[in-house]
Protein backbone atom coordinates (compact mmCIF):
# COMPACT_ATOMS: atom_id res chain seq x y z
CA MET A 1 5.84 25.38 23.04
CA ARG A 2 6.35 24.20 19.80
CA THR A 3 3.61 22.63 17.61
CA PHE A 4 4.27 19.99 15.57
CA GLY A 5 2.13 18.91 11.89
CA ALA A 6 2.63 19.79 8.57
CA SER A 7 0.16 21.99 7.20
CA HIS A 8 0.45 23.73 3.60
CA GLY A 9 1.66 26.76 5.18
CA ARG A 10 4.39 25.34 7.12
CA SER A 11 5.61 22.07 4.93
CA ASP A 12 5.05 24.19 1.72
CA ALA A 13 7.87 26.54 2.88
CA GLY A 14 10.43 23.69 3.51
CA ILE A 15 12.46 22.67 6.28
CA PRO A 16 12.61 25.75 8.99
CA ASP A 17 15.87 26.51 10.82
CA GLU A 18 13.62 25.91 14.08
CA ALA A 19 14.01 22.30 13.34
CA PHE A 20 17.39 22.23 14.48
CA THR A 21 16.93 23.78 17.85
CA PRO A 22 18.25 21.41 20.21
CA ILE A 23 15.69 19.27 22.32
CA GLU A 24 16.20 16.07 24.69
CA GLY A 25 19.10 14.19 23.54
CA ASP A 26 20.60 16.35 20.79
CA ASP A 27 24.17 16.94 20.47
CA ARG A 28 24.34 21.35 20.22
CA GLU A 29 27.21 21.58 17.75
CA ILE A 30 25.52 18.60 15.66
CA CYS A 31 22.59 20.62 15.84
CA SER A 32 24.18 24.13 15.07
CA LYS A 33 25.57 22.41 12.12
CA PHE A 34 22.83 21.20 10.68
CA LYS A 35 20.87 24.39 11.06
CA LYS A 36 23.86 26.37 8.81
CA VAL A 37 23.78 23.45 5.76
CA ASN A 38 19.66 24.06 5.99
CA LYS A 39 20.07 27.87 5.68
CA ASN A 40 22.03 27.31 2.76
CA GLU A 41 20.42 24.64 1.01
CA LYS A 42 17.52 27.09 1.56
CA LYS A 43 19.67 30.13 0.07
CA GLY A 44 21.00 27.61 -2.73
CA GLN A 45 17.55 26.24 -3.80
CA ALA A 46 15.35 29.30 -3.46
CA ARG A 47 15.02 30.37 -7.03
CA LEU A 48 14.78 26.98 -7.99
CA PHE A 49 11.73 26.45 -5.89
CA ASP A 50 9.71 30.00 -7.24
CA THR A 51 9.16 28.78 -10.58
CA THR A 52 7.40 25.49 -9.13
CA THR A 53 4.19 24.68 -8.80
CA ASP A 54 2.73 24.36 -5.55
CA LEU A 55 3.75 20.95 -3.50
CA TRP A 56 0.24 20.86 -1.99
CA GLU A 57 -1.45 20.19 -5.35
CA GLN A 58 0.22 17.37 -6.15
CA LEU A 59 -2.29 15.82 -3.55
CA SER A 60 -5.04 17.44 -5.66
CA ASN A 61 -6.75 13.44 -6.71
CA LEU A 62 -6.73 12.92 -2.84
CA ALA A 63 -8.86 16.12 -1.82
CA ALA A 64 -10.93 14.92 -4.63
CA SER A 65 -11.48 11.17 -3.60
CA MET A 66 -11.82 12.75 0.44
CA VAL A 67 -14.60 14.80 -1.05
CA HIS A 68 -16.04 12.22 -3.36
CA LEU A 69 -16.22 10.14 0.04
CA ASP A 70 -18.08 12.23 1.87
CA ASP A 71 -20.96 12.84 -0.87
CA ALA A 72 -20.91 9.18 -1.15
CA SER A 73 -24.37 7.97 0.07
CA ASP A 74 -24.66 6.11 3.57
CA ASP A 75 -28.37 5.37 4.13
CA SER A 76 -28.03 2.15 3.80
CA ILE A 77 -25.64 -1.12 5.10
CA GLU A 78 -24.76 -1.77 1.46
CA ALA A 79 -23.77 2.20 0.66
CA VAL A 80 -21.81 1.86 4.14
CA ARG A 81 -20.03 -0.97 3.11
CA ASN A 82 -19.36 0.72 -0.58
CA LYS A 83 -18.20 3.75 1.68
CA GLU A 84 -16.21 2.04 3.55
CA ARG A 85 -14.54 -0.02 0.32
CA MET A 86 -13.81 3.46 -1.35
CA TYR A 87 -12.23 4.95 2.34
CA GLU A 88 -9.21 1.60 2.37
CA ALA A 89 -9.11 2.02 -1.70
CA MET A 90 -8.29 5.73 -0.57
CA VAL A 91 -5.86 5.09 2.13
CA ARG A 92 -4.00 2.37 0.27
CA SER A 93 -3.36 4.73 -2.76
CA GLY A 94 -0.35 6.44 -3.61
CA ASN A 95 -1.42 9.58 -3.55
CA TYR A 96 -2.17 9.28 0.07
CA LEU A 97 0.70 7.39 1.19
CA ASP A 98 3.18 9.68 -0.64
CA GLY A 99 1.54 12.99 1.02
CA GLN A 100 1.72 10.93 4.26
CA PHE A 101 5.16 9.97 4.10
CA TRP A 102 6.04 13.55 2.85
CA ALA A 103 4.35 14.63 5.79
CA ASP A 104 6.02 12.70 8.17
CA ALA A 105 9.44 13.86 6.56
CA TRP A 106 8.33 17.14 7.45
CA CYS A 107 7.55 16.35 11.09
CA ALA A 108 10.61 13.97 11.53
CA ALA A 109 12.87 17.06 11.02
CA PHE A 110 12.02 18.13 14.31
CA VAL A 111 12.51 15.38 16.66
CA TRP A 112 15.32 13.29 14.54
CA LYS A 113 17.89 12.41 17.31
CA LYS A 114 21.03 14.72 16.44
CA THR A 115 24.06 13.08 17.26
CA GLU A 116 27.17 12.08 15.32
CA GLU A 117 25.27 8.50 15.75
CA PHE A 118 22.36 9.84 13.96
CA ASN A 119 24.62 12.66 11.83
CA TYR A 120 21.85 12.40 8.74
CA PRO A 121 18.39 14.64 9.80
CA ILE A 122 16.34 15.78 6.92
CA THR A 123 17.34 19.12 6.09
CA GLU A 124 15.72 21.19 3.08
CA GLU A 125 17.61 19.40 0.56
CA VAL A 126 16.50 15.97 1.59
CA PHE A 127 12.81 17.29 2.30
CA ARG A 128 12.90 18.74 -1.81
CA ARG A 129 14.49 15.17 -3.32
CA ILE A 130 11.26 13.24 -1.25
CA ALA A 131 9.10 16.26 -2.92
CA ASP A 132 10.42 15.73 -6.01
CA VAL A 133 10.53 11.77 -5.79
CA ARG A 134 6.74 11.58 -4.93
CA ALA A 135 5.87 14.20 -7.25
CA PRO A 136 3.72 12.70 -10.34
CA THR A 137 5.51 12.42 -13.82
CA PRO A 138 3.93 14.62 -16.63
CA THR A 139 2.08 12.54 -19.35
CA GLY A 140 1.83 13.14 -23.10
């Protein structure tokens, strides 16, 4: 039985080859083709990503926001309303939406329909490009 969900250990390691194990409706040849593509992409990029920072570190502002929200007072109606406003701002933030998109892309790699009609699954290279696009640009 497969379990799904993007966790630190799973998604930070990239797209596993198991994402290309055929499931109902998949074309076995397409799956086999992209399993090989994914393996090659991981081999070709392994050295590059050894020197980069952990992709999850990019979500540190989100984690700080969540802690701040958890620590916020909720002992009055006004405090609860304030906490609700803080939550709404957090889930609309770029950090939250980018992190959600990145995790969704990792999960989608497993269930993406792999047929001639959908012959562009999320492989390691696609996943890393998503991570690169959402990475914050250094300032200063």
